[in-house]
């Protein structure tokens, strides 16, 4: 999984489609390591979706990330705030 994580995050600069493909493997697999990588992979997936002009996928990915990061102990607050801001910008842009 480290190679897939690297492809999903670093690959964004080289090929958004490759980053989407690599990040998609984390969404389709339900193993613990895949779930543990979601907070790192999902922001890259959303950015890759935007790079290929798939706003719906980006919005859904940020919503999924927010669901994952909404922890009662406050964990993930920084990533959650970043995802909330990105989702807000996307929703506003699609409504204009």
Protein backbone atom coordinates (compact mmCIF):
# COMPACT_ATOMS: atom_id res chain seq x y z
CA UNK A 1 0.00 0.00 0.00
CA UNK A 2 2.85 2.52 0.42
CA UNK A 3 3.41 2.55 -3.33
CA UNK A 4 -0.29 3.20 -3.95
CA UNK A 5 -0.22 5.97 -1.36
CA UNK A 6 2.80 7.54 -3.06
CA UNK A 7 1.11 7.31 -6.47
CA UNK A 8 -2.03 8.92 -5.10
CA UNK A 9 -0.29 11.82 -3.39
CA UNK A 10 2.85 12.58 -5.38
CA UNK A 11 1.42 11.39 -8.68
CA UNK A 12 -0.99 14.30 -8.66
CA UNK A 13 1.70 16.64 -9.98
CA UNK A 14 2.55 14.30 -12.86
CA UNK A 15 -0.80 12.82 -13.84
CA UNK A 16 -4.10 13.62 -12.13
CA UNK A 17 -5.67 10.58 -13.80
CA UNK A 18 -2.97 8.29 -12.38
CA UNK A 19 -3.54 9.85 -8.95
CA UNK A 20 -7.28 9.19 -9.31
CA UNK A 21 -6.66 5.60 -10.31
CA UNK A 22 -4.26 5.00 -7.42
CA UNK A 23 -6.51 6.69 -4.85
CA UNK A 24 -9.47 4.72 -6.13
CA UNK A 25 -7.84 1.51 -5.00
CA UNK A 26 -8.04 2.77 -1.42
CA UNK A 27 -11.75 3.43 -1.77
CA UNK A 28 -12.52 0.02 -3.20
CA UNK A 29 -10.53 -1.97 -0.64
CA UNK A 30 -11.70 -2.19 2.93
CA UNK A 31 -8.56 -3.42 4.68
CA UNK A 32 -7.39 -1.65 7.81
CA UNK A 33 -4.30 -0.16 6.14
CA UNK A 34 -6.46 1.25 3.38
CA UNK A 35 -8.78 2.83 5.92
CA UNK A 36 -5.85 4.21 7.90
CA UNK A 37 -4.55 5.90 4.74
CA UNK A 38 -7.87 7.58 3.87
CA UNK A 39 -7.10 10.89 5.67
CA UNK A 40 -3.98 11.18 3.51
CA UNK A 41 -5.38 9.80 0.25
CA UNK A 42 -8.79 11.46 0.10
CA UNK A 43 -7.52 15.07 -0.11
CA UNK A 44 -5.24 14.03 -2.99
CA UNK A 45 -8.19 12.25 -4.64
CA UNK A 46 -10.32 15.38 -4.38
CA UNK A 47 -7.53 17.51 -5.85
CA UNK A 48 -7.04 15.03 -8.69
CA UNK A 49 -10.78 15.05 -9.37
CA UNK A 50 -10.67 18.83 -9.66
CA UNK A 51 -7.66 18.63 -11.96
CA UNK A 52 -9.67 16.46 -14.38
CA UNK A 53 -12.74 18.72 -13.93
CA UNK A 54 -14.82 16.16 -12.01
CA UNK A 55 -16.37 18.51 -9.46
CA UNK A 56 -18.99 15.99 -8.33
CA UNK A 57 -16.29 13.46 -7.38
CA UNK A 58 -14.33 16.17 -5.57
CA UNK A 59 -17.40 17.24 -3.55
CA UNK A 60 -18.29 13.64 -2.68
CA UNK A 61 -14.68 12.89 -1.72
CA UNK A 62 -14.48 15.90 0.61
CA UNK A 63 -17.82 14.89 2.16
CA UNK A 64 -16.51 11.37 2.72
CA UNK A 65 -13.37 12.81 4.29
CA UNK A 66 -15.47 15.00 6.60
CA UNK A 67 -17.47 11.97 7.71
CA UNK A 68 -14.24 10.16 8.55
CA UNK A 69 -12.68 13.09 10.39
CA UNK A 70 -15.67 13.96 12.52
CA UNK A 71 -14.26 12.31 15.64
CA UNK A 72 -15.70 13.03 19.08
CA UNK A 73 -12.23 13.38 20.61
CA UNK A 74 -11.35 16.28 18.30
CA UNK A 75 -8.83 14.25 16.33
CA UNK A 76 -8.39 15.31 12.73
CA UNK A 77 -9.55 18.88 13.41
CA UNK A 78 -6.97 20.52 11.14
CA UNK A 79 -7.68 18.22 8.22
CA UNK A 80 -11.41 18.55 8.84
CA UNK A 81 -11.23 22.36 8.78
CA UNK A 82 -9.25 22.23 5.54
CA UNK A 83 -11.79 19.86 3.97
CA UNK A 84 -14.71 22.03 5.14
CA UNK A 85 -13.13 25.08 3.50
CA UNK A 86 -12.44 23.22 0.24
CA UNK A 87 -15.95 21.77 0.17
CA UNK A 88 -17.45 25.21 0.79
CA UNK A 89 -15.49 26.69 -2.10
CA UNK A 90 -16.54 23.86 -4.41
CA UNK A 91 -20.22 24.08 -3.51
CA UNK A 92 -20.17 27.85 -3.94
CA UNK A 93 -18.40 27.56 -7.31
CA UNK A 94 -20.86 24.99 -8.61
CA UNK A 95 -23.83 27.11 -7.51
CA UNK A 96 -22.58 30.18 -9.43
